[in-house]
């Protein structure tokens, strides 16, 4: 004869303990705070060191081209067809394209909007400040017209400061990335 089990004899099946909603909300808040912190820190690192990547990588690096494409998407610059080859009627200071190129590092923002000719002059005016003579007629004629320019027969590239050397490399890399058609071309005394 079978005996029926009563409610007292049935043992309850153990269940997982459920955490109260406050614990899940706390973890969610902690996660969001950490995520926001990482995004802010990443933005500060990019802002502070982003242009350094351009100077560290070799000029032909695909990374530079990719980063400049991203910058162009953010702040569009003229294409090669839109960009003028001849200089603007006036330069930034009247005498120098980039008057600060011997005192602070040049940025992409400084070069955006310059014509190919102005970029070429900006790069070479760093040398011209120290009295370098130029073989190409376009640069020789241009700098001969500048009141501040005097050829120094004892000129040496070692007279350039580290900032000036960095700026020459940066402008050259920028010209290469923009595919400047006059970067290494002598256009004669037409400017």
N, C-alpha and C. Protein backbone atom coordinates (compact mmCIF):
# COMPACT_ATOMS: atom_id res chain seq x y z
N UNK A 1 0.80 -1.15 0.00
CA UNK A 1 0.00 0.00 0.00
C UNK A 1 0.87 1.25 0.00
N UNK A 2 0.52 2.13 -0.87
CA UNK A 2 1.30 3.35 -1.00
C UNK A 2 0.76 4.42 -0.09
N UNK A 3 1.73 5.10 0.41
CA UNK A 3 1.31 6.22 1.25
C UNK A 3 1.53 7.51 0.48
N UNK A 4 0.65 8.38 0.62
CA UNK A 4 0.80 9.67 -0.06
C UNK A 4 1.71 10.58 0.73
N UNK A 5 2.47 11.31 -0.05
CA UNK A 5 3.39 12.25 0.60
C UNK A 5 2.62 13.51 0.93
N UNK A 6 2.91 13.99 2.02
CA UNK A 6 2.26 15.23 2.43
C UNK A 6 3.16 16.39 2.07
N UNK A 7 2.61 17.59 2.17
CA UNK A 7 3.37 18.81 1.85
C UNK A 7 4.60 18.96 2.73
N UNK A 8 4.55 18.38 3.87
CA UNK A 8 5.65 18.52 4.79
C UNK A 8 6.85 17.71 4.33
N UNK A 9 6.61 16.63 3.62
CA UNK A 9 7.70 15.77 3.20
C UNK A 9 8.36 16.25 1.89
N UNK A 10 7.69 17.07 1.10
CA UNK A 10 8.24 17.56 -0.17
C UNK A 10 9.25 18.65 0.13
N UNK A 11 10.45 18.43 -0.37
CA UNK A 11 11.52 19.41 -0.12
C UNK A 11 11.55 20.41 -1.29
N UNK A 12 11.66 21.68 -0.99
CA UNK A 12 11.71 22.67 -2.07
C UNK A 12 13.02 22.58 -2.85
N UNK A 13 12.94 22.82 -4.16
CA UNK A 13 14.13 22.84 -5.02
C UNK A 13 14.83 24.18 -4.82
N UNK A 14 16.15 24.13 -4.54
CA UNK A 14 16.84 25.41 -4.32
C UNK A 14 16.91 26.21 -5.64
N UNK A 15 16.71 27.50 -5.55
CA UNK A 15 16.79 28.40 -6.72
C UNK A 15 17.96 29.34 -6.54
N UNK A 16 18.38 29.92 -7.68
CA UNK A 16 19.46 30.92 -7.62
C UNK A 16 18.96 32.13 -6.86
N UNK A 17 19.88 32.69 -6.11
CA UNK A 17 19.48 33.91 -5.40
C UNK A 17 19.51 35.06 -6.38
N UNK A 18 18.49 35.80 -6.43
CA UNK A 18 18.41 36.93 -7.35
C UNK A 18 18.92 38.17 -6.64
N UNK A 19 19.74 38.91 -7.39
CA UNK A 19 20.27 40.15 -6.84
C UNK A 19 19.20 41.22 -6.97
N UNK A 20 19.15 42.07 -6.02
CA UNK A 20 18.16 43.15 -6.11
C UNK A 20 18.54 44.09 -7.27
N UNK A 21 17.59 44.77 -7.87
CA UNK A 21 17.85 45.67 -9.01
C UNK A 21 18.87 46.76 -8.69
N UNK A 22 19.01 47.13 -7.45
CA UNK A 22 19.97 48.19 -7.08
C UNK A 22 21.39 47.78 -7.43
N UNK A 23 21.74 46.52 -7.27
CA UNK A 23 23.08 46.04 -7.59
C UNK A 23 23.34 46.17 -9.09
N UNK A 24 22.37 45.77 -9.92
CA UNK A 24 22.53 45.87 -11.38
C UNK A 24 22.64 47.32 -11.81
N UNK A 25 21.88 48.18 -11.23
CA UNK A 25 21.94 49.61 -11.58
C UNK A 25 23.30 50.19 -11.18
N UNK A 26 23.81 49.78 -10.04
CA UNK A 26 25.12 50.25 -9.58
C UNK A 26 26.21 49.82 -10.57
N UNK A 27 26.17 48.54 -10.99
CA UNK A 27 27.17 48.05 -11.95
C UNK A 27 27.05 48.79 -13.29
N UNK A 28 25.86 49.07 -13.72
CA UNK A 28 25.64 49.80 -14.96
C UNK A 28 26.20 51.21 -14.86
N UNK A 29 25.99 51.88 -13.76
CA UNK A 29 26.51 53.24 -13.56
C UNK A 29 28.04 53.21 -13.55
N UNK A 30 28.64 52.25 -12.85
CA UNK A 30 30.10 52.13 -12.81
C UNK A 30 30.65 51.91 -14.22
N UNK A 31 30.01 51.02 -14.98
CA UNK A 31 30.44 50.76 -16.36
C UNK A 31 30.36 52.02 -17.21
N UNK A 32 29.26 52.75 -17.12
CA UNK A 32 29.09 53.97 -17.92
C UNK A 32 30.12 55.04 -17.54
N UNK A 33 30.38 55.18 -16.26
CA UNK A 33 31.38 56.16 -15.82
C UNK A 33 32.76 55.79 -16.37
N UNK A 34 33.12 54.51 -16.31
CA UNK A 34 34.41 54.08 -16.86
C UNK A 34 34.47 54.29 -18.37
N UNK A 35 33.38 54.00 -19.06
CA UNK A 35 33.33 54.19 -20.51
C UNK A 35 33.51 55.66 -20.88
N UNK A 36 32.82 56.54 -20.21
CA UNK A 36 32.95 57.98 -20.46
C UNK A 36 34.38 58.43 -20.17
N UNK A 37 34.96 57.93 -19.09
CA UNK A 37 36.34 58.28 -18.74
C UNK A 37 37.32 57.86 -19.82
N UNK A 38 37.16 56.66 -20.35
CA UNK A 38 38.04 56.17 -21.42
C UNK A 38 37.89 57.03 -22.68
N UNK A 39 36.66 57.38 -23.03
CA UNK A 39 36.43 58.21 -24.21
C UNK A 39 37.07 59.59 -24.04
N UNK A 40 36.90 60.19 -22.90
CA UNK A 40 37.49 61.51 -22.65
C UNK A 40 39.01 61.43 -22.67
N UNK A 41 39.58 60.43 -22.00
CA UNK A 41 41.03 60.26 -21.98
C UNK A 41 41.56 60.02 -23.39
N UNK A 42 40.87 59.19 -24.17
CA UNK A 42 41.28 58.93 -25.55
C UNK A 42 41.26 60.20 -26.37
N UNK A 43 40.24 61.03 -26.19
CA UNK A 43 40.17 62.30 -26.91
C UNK A 43 41.32 63.23 -26.55
N UNK A 44 41.67 63.28 -25.27
CA UNK A 44 42.78 64.12 -24.84
C UNK A 44 44.11 63.61 -25.38
N UNK A 45 44.30 62.31 -25.40
CA UNK A 45 45.53 61.74 -25.95
C UNK A 45 45.62 62.05 -27.44
N UNK A 46 44.52 61.87 -28.17
CA UNK A 46 44.51 62.17 -29.61
C UNK A 46 44.79 63.64 -29.86
N UNK A 47 44.17 64.51 -29.07
CA UNK A 47 44.37 65.95 -29.24
C UNK A 47 45.82 66.33 -28.96
N UNK A 48 46.41 65.72 -27.96
CA UNK A 48 47.77 66.09 -27.56
C UNK A 48 48.84 65.45 -28.44
N UNK A 49 48.64 64.19 -28.82
CA UNK A 49 49.68 63.46 -29.53
C UNK A 49 49.30 63.07 -30.96
N UNK A 50 48.12 63.43 -31.42
CA UNK A 50 47.65 63.02 -32.74
C UNK A 50 48.56 63.46 -33.87
N UNK A 51 49.00 64.72 -33.86
CA UNK A 51 49.86 65.20 -34.95
C UNK A 51 51.27 64.65 -34.83
N UNK A 52 51.64 64.15 -33.65
CA UNK A 52 52.96 63.55 -33.48
C UNK A 52 53.10 62.31 -34.35
N UNK A 53 52.01 61.60 -34.56
CA UNK A 53 52.03 60.39 -35.38
C UNK A 53 52.53 60.73 -36.78
N UNK A 54 52.13 61.87 -37.31
CA UNK A 54 52.56 62.28 -38.65
C UNK A 54 54.07 62.48 -38.72
N UNK A 55 54.67 62.94 -37.65
CA UNK A 55 56.10 63.21 -37.67
C UNK A 55 56.92 61.95 -37.41
N UNK A 56 56.34 60.96 -36.73
CA UNK A 56 57.07 59.75 -36.37
C UNK A 56 57.08 58.74 -37.52
N UNK A 57 55.98 58.64 -38.25
CA UNK A 57 55.90 57.67 -39.33
C UNK A 57 56.67 58.16 -40.55
N UNK A 58 57.18 57.24 -41.36
CA UNK A 58 57.87 57.66 -42.58
C UNK A 58 56.89 58.32 -43.55
N UNK A 59 57.38 59.21 -44.44
CA UNK A 59 56.51 59.98 -45.31
C UNK A 59 55.59 59.14 -46.20
N UNK A 60 56.04 57.99 -46.66
CA UNK A 60 55.24 57.20 -47.60
C UNK A 60 54.31 56.23 -46.87
N UNK A 61 54.20 56.35 -45.57
CA UNK A 61 53.40 55.42 -44.80
C UNK A 61 51.92 55.53 -45.14
N UNK A 62 51.25 54.41 -45.37
CA UNK A 62 49.81 54.44 -45.63
C UNK A 62 49.03 55.01 -44.45
N UNK A 63 49.60 54.89 -43.25
CA UNK A 63 48.94 55.41 -42.05
C UNK A 63 48.78 56.92 -42.15
N UNK A 64 49.79 57.62 -42.67
CA UNK A 64 49.72 59.06 -42.81
C UNK A 64 48.62 59.43 -43.80
N UNK A 65 48.61 58.75 -44.92
CA UNK A 65 47.61 59.04 -45.93
C UNK A 65 46.22 58.80 -45.37
N UNK A 66 46.04 57.72 -44.61
CA UNK A 66 44.74 57.40 -44.03
C UNK A 66 44.33 58.46 -43.02
N UNK A 67 45.27 58.89 -42.17
CA UNK A 67 44.95 59.91 -41.16
C UNK A 67 44.60 61.23 -41.83
N UNK A 68 45.30 61.59 -42.89
CA UNK A 68 45.01 62.84 -43.57
C UNK A 68 43.66 62.77 -44.29
N UNK A 69 43.29 61.59 -44.78
CA UNK A 69 41.96 61.44 -45.38
C UNK A 69 40.89 61.66 -44.32
N UNK A 70 41.13 61.13 -43.10
CA UNK A 70 40.18 61.34 -42.01
C UNK A 70 40.10 62.81 -41.65
N UNK A 71 41.25 63.51 -41.59
CA UNK A 71 41.25 64.93 -41.29
C UNK A 71 40.50 65.71 -42.37
N UNK A 72 40.68 65.32 -43.63
CA UNK A 72 40.00 66.00 -44.72
C UNK A 72 38.49 65.78 -44.61
N UNK A 73 38.08 64.62 -44.14
CA UNK A 73 36.65 64.37 -43.97
C UNK A 73 36.08 65.25 -42.87
N UNK A 74 36.90 65.51 -41.84
CA UNK A 74 36.46 66.35 -40.74
C UNK A 74 36.47 67.81 -41.16
N UNK A 75 37.59 68.28 -41.69
CA UNK A 75 37.67 69.66 -42.19
C UNK A 75 38.16 69.60 -43.62
N UNK A 76 37.25 69.66 -44.57
CA UNK A 76 37.64 69.47 -45.96
C UNK A 76 38.61 70.54 -46.45
N UNK A 77 39.58 70.09 -47.23
CA UNK A 77 40.53 71.00 -47.85
C UNK A 77 40.35 70.88 -49.35
N UNK A 78 40.79 71.87 -50.08
CA UNK A 78 40.62 71.82 -51.52
C UNK A 78 41.36 70.64 -52.14
N UNK A 79 40.83 70.10 -53.21
CA UNK A 79 41.50 69.04 -53.95
C UNK A 79 42.60 69.68 -54.79
N UNK A 80 43.43 68.83 -55.40
CA UNK A 80 44.53 69.34 -56.22
C UNK A 80 44.00 70.22 -57.35
N UNK A 81 42.86 69.86 -57.92
CA UNK A 81 42.30 70.67 -59.01
C UNK A 81 41.81 72.02 -58.50
N UNK A 82 41.28 72.04 -57.28
CA UNK A 82 40.76 73.29 -56.72
C UNK A 82 41.87 74.18 -56.17
N UNK A 83 42.97 73.57 -55.77
CA UNK A 83 44.06 74.31 -55.14
C UNK A 83 44.84 75.09 -56.17
N UNK A 84 45.13 76.34 -55.85
CA UNK A 84 45.87 77.19 -56.78
C UNK A 84 47.35 76.81 -56.76
N UNK A 85 47.97 76.94 -57.90
CA UNK A 85 49.41 76.69 -57.97
C UNK A 85 50.16 78.00 -57.76
N UNK A 86 49.63 79.10 -58.19
CA UNK A 86 50.31 80.38 -58.03
C UNK A 86 49.99 80.98 -56.66
N UNK A 87 50.83 81.90 -56.20
CA UNK A 87 50.61 82.45 -54.86
C UNK A 87 49.40 83.38 -54.81
N UNK A 88 48.88 83.55 -53.61
CA UNK A 88 47.81 84.51 -53.40
C UNK A 88 48.40 85.91 -53.52
N UNK A 89 47.57 86.93 -53.76
CA UNK A 89 48.10 88.29 -53.87
C UNK A 89 48.85 88.73 -52.62
N UNK A 90 48.39 88.31 -51.45
CA UNK A 90 49.09 88.68 -50.22
C UNK A 90 49.35 87.43 -49.40
N UNK A 91 50.41 87.44 -48.64
CA UNK A 91 50.72 86.32 -47.76
C UNK A 91 50.22 86.65 -46.37
N UNK A 92 50.35 85.70 -45.47
CA UNK A 92 49.81 85.85 -44.12
C UNK A 92 50.35 87.08 -43.41
N UNK A 93 51.64 87.34 -43.50
CA UNK A 93 52.22 88.47 -42.78
C UNK A 93 52.72 89.56 -43.70
N UNK A 94 52.66 89.37 -44.99
CA UNK A 94 53.19 90.35 -45.92
C UNK A 94 54.60 89.99 -46.35
N UNK A 95 55.37 89.33 -45.49
CA UNK A 95 56.73 88.95 -45.83
C UNK A 95 56.96 87.45 -45.74
N UNK A 96 56.34 86.79 -44.78
CA UNK A 96 56.52 85.36 -44.59
C UNK A 96 55.17 84.66 -44.78
N UNK A 97 55.21 83.48 -45.36
CA UNK A 97 54.00 82.67 -45.46
C UNK A 97 53.62 82.17 -44.07
N UNK A 98 54.61 81.64 -43.35
CA UNK A 98 54.41 81.16 -41.98
C UNK A 98 55.42 81.86 -41.08
N UNK A 99 55.11 83.04 -40.59
CA UNK A 99 56.08 83.82 -39.81
C UNK A 99 56.52 83.15 -38.51
N UNK A 100 55.78 82.17 -38.05
CA UNK A 100 56.07 81.48 -36.79
C UNK A 100 56.83 80.18 -36.97
N UNK A 101 57.16 79.82 -38.21
CA UNK A 101 57.75 78.50 -38.46
C UNK A 101 59.12 78.31 -37.83
N UNK A 102 59.71 79.35 -37.30
CA UNK A 102 60.98 79.20 -36.59
C UNK A 102 60.81 79.20 -35.07
N UNK A 103 59.54 79.36 -34.62
CA UNK A 103 59.33 79.44 -33.17
C UNK A 103 58.37 78.39 -32.62
N UNK A 104 57.51 77.83 -33.47
CA UNK A 104 56.60 76.78 -33.00
C UNK A 104 56.36 75.78 -34.13
N UNK A 105 55.88 74.61 -33.76
CA UNK A 105 55.65 73.57 -34.75
C UNK A 105 54.46 73.91 -35.64
N UNK A 106 54.61 73.66 -36.92
CA UNK A 106 53.55 73.89 -37.89
C UNK A 106 52.55 72.74 -37.80
N UNK A 107 51.27 73.04 -37.96
CA UNK A 107 50.21 72.03 -37.93
C UNK A 107 49.52 71.95 -39.29
N UNK A 108 48.72 70.93 -39.47
CA UNK A 108 47.96 70.79 -40.72
C UNK A 108 47.01 71.97 -40.89
N UNK A 109 46.48 72.48 -39.79
CA UNK A 109 45.58 73.63 -39.86
C UNK A 109 46.30 74.86 -40.42
N UNK A 110 47.59 74.99 -40.11
CA UNK A 110 48.36 76.11 -40.64
C UNK A 110 48.52 76.02 -42.15
N UNK A 111 48.56 74.80 -42.67
CA UNK A 111 48.81 74.59 -44.10
C UNK A 111 47.53 74.51 -44.93
N UNK A 112 46.42 74.17 -44.30
CA UNK A 112 45.16 74.12 -45.04
C UNK A 112 44.85 75.49 -45.63
N UNK A 113 44.48 75.51 -46.87
CA UNK A 113 44.14 76.77 -47.53
C UNK A 113 45.30 77.41 -48.26
N UNK A 114 46.52 76.93 -48.04
CA UNK A 114 47.66 77.47 -48.78
C UNK A 114 47.71 76.84 -50.17
N UNK A 115 48.17 77.60 -51.14
CA UNK A 115 48.36 77.03 -52.47
C UNK A 115 49.61 76.16 -52.46
N UNK A 116 49.80 75.37 -53.52
CA UNK A 116 51.01 74.54 -53.61
C UNK A 116 52.25 75.43 -53.58
N UNK A 117 52.20 76.54 -54.27
CA UNK A 117 53.34 77.46 -54.29
C UNK A 117 53.61 77.99 -52.89
N UNK A 118 52.58 78.38 -52.16
CA UNK A 118 52.77 78.90 -50.80
C UNK A 118 53.35 77.84 -49.87
N UNK A 119 52.94 76.58 -50.05
CA UNK A 119 53.52 75.51 -49.23
C UNK A 119 55.01 75.34 -49.55
N UNK A 120 55.35 75.40 -50.83
CA UNK A 120 56.75 75.26 -51.24
C UNK A 120 57.58 76.41 -50.66
N UNK A 121 57.05 77.63 -50.75
CA UNK A 121 57.75 78.79 -50.20
C UNK A 121 57.85 78.69 -48.68
N UNK A 122 56.77 78.28 -48.03
CA UNK A 122 56.77 78.17 -46.56
C UNK A 122 57.86 77.21 -46.09
N UNK A 123 58.00 76.10 -46.80
CA UNK A 123 59.04 75.12 -46.44
C UNK A 123 60.43 75.72 -46.64
N UNK A 124 60.62 76.42 -47.74
CA UNK A 124 61.95 76.94 -48.06
C UNK A 124 62.28 78.26 -47.37
N UNK A 125 61.28 78.99 -46.89
CA UNK A 125 61.59 80.22 -46.17
C UNK A 125 62.27 79.91 -44.83
N UNK A 126 62.09 78.69 -44.35
CA UNK A 126 62.81 78.28 -43.13
C UNK A 126 64.31 78.28 -43.42
N UNK A 127 64.69 77.74 -44.58
CA UNK A 127 66.10 77.76 -44.98
C UNK A 127 66.56 79.19 -45.31
N UNK A 128 65.70 79.94 -45.99
CA UNK A 128 66.05 81.29 -46.43
C UNK A 128 66.35 82.21 -45.25
N UNK A 129 65.66 82.01 -44.14
CA UNK A 129 65.93 82.84 -42.95
C UNK A 129 67.40 82.75 -42.52
N UNK A 130 68.01 81.61 -42.81
CA UNK A 130 69.40 81.39 -42.41
C UNK A 130 70.39 81.70 -43.54
N UNK A 131 69.88 82.17 -44.69
CA UNK A 131 70.77 82.59 -45.77
C UNK A 131 71.12 81.53 -46.80
N UNK A 132 70.36 80.47 -46.88
CA UNK A 132 70.62 79.44 -47.88
C UNK A 132 70.42 80.03 -49.27
N UNK A 133 71.32 79.68 -50.19
CA UNK A 133 71.13 80.09 -51.58
C UNK A 133 70.35 78.98 -52.29
N UNK A 134 69.59 79.36 -53.30
CA UNK A 134 68.73 78.40 -53.97
C UNK A 134 69.17 78.23 -55.42
N UNK A 135 69.22 76.99 -55.87
CA UNK A 135 69.59 76.66 -57.24
C UNK A 135 68.40 76.87 -58.16
N UNK A 136 67.21 76.48 -57.70
CA UNK A 136 66.03 76.63 -58.55
C UNK A 136 65.71 78.12 -58.74
N UNK A 137 65.36 78.46 -59.95
CA UNK A 137 65.11 79.87 -60.27
C UNK A 137 63.87 80.40 -59.57
N UNK A 138 62.82 79.57 -59.47
CA UNK A 138 61.59 80.08 -58.86
C UNK A 138 61.82 80.55 -57.43
N UNK A 139 62.53 79.75 -56.64
CA UNK A 139 62.80 80.13 -55.25
C UNK A 139 63.85 81.23 -55.17
N UNK A 140 64.87 81.15 -55.99
CA UNK A 140 65.92 82.16 -56.00
C UNK A 140 65.34 83.53 -56.33
N UNK A 141 64.50 83.61 -57.36
CA UNK A 141 63.87 84.88 -57.73
C UNK A 141 62.91 85.37 -56.66
N UNK A 142 62.13 84.45 -56.10
CA UNK A 142 61.17 84.84 -55.07
C UNK A 142 61.87 85.44 -53.86
N UNK A 143 62.88 84.74 -53.33
CA UNK A 143 63.53 85.22 -52.12
C UNK A 143 64.39 86.45 -52.38
N UNK A 144 64.90 86.61 -53.59
CA UNK A 144 65.67 87.82 -53.92
C UNK A 144 64.82 89.07 -53.77
N UNK A 145 63.51 88.94 -53.93
CA UNK A 145 62.59 90.08 -53.80
C UNK A 145 62.23 90.39 -52.35
N UNK A 146 62.59 89.51 -51.43
CA UNK A 146 62.25 89.72 -50.02
C UNK A 146 63.32 90.58 -49.35
N UNK A 147 62.90 91.64 -48.70
CA UNK A 147 63.82 92.58 -48.06
C UNK A 147 64.67 91.96 -46.97
N UNK A 148 64.19 90.94 -46.32
CA UNK A 148 64.89 90.32 -45.21
C UNK A 148 65.91 89.27 -45.65
N UNK A 149 65.86 88.84 -46.91
CA UNK A 149 66.69 87.73 -47.37
C UNK A 149 68.08 88.18 -47.80
N UNK A 150 69.11 87.53 -47.22
CA UNK A 150 70.49 87.76 -47.62
C UNK A 150 71.18 86.40 -47.67
N UNK A 151 71.88 86.12 -48.77
CA UNK A 151 72.60 84.86 -48.92
C UNK A 151 73.78 84.85 -47.96
N UNK A 152 73.93 83.74 -47.24
CA UNK A 152 75.05 83.54 -46.34
C UNK A 152 75.95 82.46 -46.96
N UNK A 153 77.15 82.84 -47.44
CA UNK A 153 78.03 81.85 -48.09
C UNK A 153 78.44 80.71 -47.16
N UNK A 154 78.37 80.93 -45.85
CA UNK A 154 78.74 79.86 -44.91
C UNK A 154 77.52 79.11 -44.39
N UNK A 155 76.39 79.20 -45.11
CA UNK A 155 75.17 78.53 -44.69
C UNK A 155 75.40 77.02 -44.54
N UNK A 156 74.75 76.45 -43.51
CA UNK A 156 74.77 75.01 -43.28
C UNK A 156 73.41 74.61 -42.71
N UNK A 157 72.92 73.44 -43.11
CA UNK A 157 71.65 72.95 -42.57
C UNK A 157 71.70 72.79 -41.05
N UNK A 158 72.89 72.66 -40.51
CA UNK A 158 73.03 72.50 -39.05
C UNK A 158 72.65 73.78 -38.30
N UNK A 159 72.51 74.90 -39.03
CA UNK A 159 72.10 76.14 -38.36
C UNK A 159 70.60 76.16 -38.05
N UNK A 160 69.86 75.22 -38.59
CA UNK A 160 68.43 75.15 -38.31
C UNK A 160 68.19 74.58 -36.91
N UNK A 161 67.20 75.14 -36.22
CA UNK A 161 66.85 74.62 -34.89
C UNK A 161 66.06 73.32 -35.07
N UNK A 162 65.85 72.61 -33.98
CA UNK A 162 65.09 71.36 -34.05
C UNK A 162 63.65 71.62 -34.49
N UNK A 163 63.06 72.73 -34.05
CA UNK A 163 61.70 73.08 -34.48
C UNK A 163 61.68 73.34 -35.98
N UNK A 164 62.68 74.04 -36.49
CA UNK A 164 62.72 74.33 -37.93
C UNK A 164 62.89 73.05 -38.75
N UNK A 165 63.75 72.16 -38.29
CA UNK A 165 63.95 70.89 -38.98
C UNK A 165 62.66 70.07 -39.00
N UNK A 166 61.98 70.02 -37.85
CA UNK A 166 60.70 69.32 -37.75
C UNK A 166 59.69 69.93 -38.71
N UNK A 167 59.65 71.26 -38.78
CA UNK A 167 58.68 71.94 -39.64
C UNK A 167 58.96 71.69 -41.12
N UNK A 168 60.23 71.67 -41.51
CA UNK A 168 60.58 71.38 -42.90
C UNK A 168 60.06 69.98 -43.27
N UNK A 169 60.30 69.01 -42.40
CA UNK A 169 59.85 67.63 -42.66
C UNK A 169 58.33 67.55 -42.70
N UNK A 170 57.67 68.24 -41.78
CA UNK A 170 56.21 68.20 -41.72
C UNK A 170 55.59 68.80 -42.98
N UNK A 171 56.09 69.96 -43.40
CA UNK A 171 55.55 70.61 -44.60
C UNK A 171 55.81 69.73 -45.82
N UNK A 172 57.00 69.16 -45.92
CA UNK A 172 57.32 68.28 -47.05
C UNK A 172 56.38 67.08 -47.09
N UNK A 173 56.14 66.46 -45.93
CA UNK A 173 55.20 65.32 -45.85
C UNK A 173 53.79 65.75 -46.27
N UNK A 174 53.40 66.94 -45.86
CA UNK A 174 52.07 67.45 -46.21
C UNK A 174 51.97 67.67 -47.72
N UNK A 175 53.02 68.26 -48.31
CA UNK A 175 53.04 68.47 -49.76
C UNK A 175 52.95 67.13 -50.50
N UNK A 176 53.68 66.13 -50.01
CA UNK A 176 53.64 64.81 -50.64
C UNK A 176 52.25 64.20 -50.54
N UNK A 177 51.63 64.33 -49.39
CA UNK A 177 50.29 63.77 -49.20
C UNK A 177 49.26 64.47 -50.09
N UNK A 178 49.49 65.75 -50.37
CA UNK A 178 48.58 66.52 -51.23
C UNK A 178 48.93 66.35 -52.71
N UNK A 179 49.99 65.58 -53.00
CA UNK A 179 50.46 65.37 -54.38
C UNK A 179 50.74 66.68 -55.10
N UNK A 180 51.51 67.54 -54.44
CA UNK A 180 51.84 68.83 -55.04
C UNK A 180 52.62 68.64 -56.34
N UNK A 181 52.11 69.19 -57.43
CA UNK A 181 52.80 69.03 -58.71
C UNK A 181 54.05 69.90 -58.85
N UNK A 182 54.23 70.88 -57.96
CA UNK A 182 55.38 71.78 -58.08
C UNK A 182 56.40 71.61 -56.96
N UNK A 183 56.18 70.62 -56.12
CA UNK A 183 57.04 70.41 -54.97
C UNK A 183 58.52 70.36 -55.33
N UNK A 184 58.86 69.61 -56.38
CA UNK A 184 60.26 69.45 -56.81
C UNK A 184 60.47 69.96 -58.24
N UNK A 185 59.65 70.91 -58.63
CA UNK A 185 59.72 71.41 -60.01
C UNK A 185 60.10 72.89 -59.98
N UNK A 186 61.00 73.26 -60.86
CA UNK A 186 61.42 74.66 -60.99
C UNK A 186 60.56 75.32 -62.05
N UNK A 187 59.77 76.31 -61.64
CA UNK A 187 58.88 76.98 -62.59
C UNK A 187 59.47 78.28 -63.13
N UNK A 188 60.73 78.52 -62.84
CA UNK A 188 61.38 79.73 -63.34
C UNK A 188 60.96 80.97 -62.55
N UNK A 189 61.31 82.11 -63.05
CA UNK A 189 61.04 83.37 -62.34
C UNK A 189 59.65 83.92 -62.66
N UNK A 190 58.65 83.07 -62.62
CA UNK A 190 57.29 83.49 -62.94
C UNK A 190 56.52 83.95 -61.73
N UNK A 191 57.06 83.78 -60.55
CA UNK A 191 56.29 84.10 -59.33
C UNK A 191 56.72 85.42 -58.76
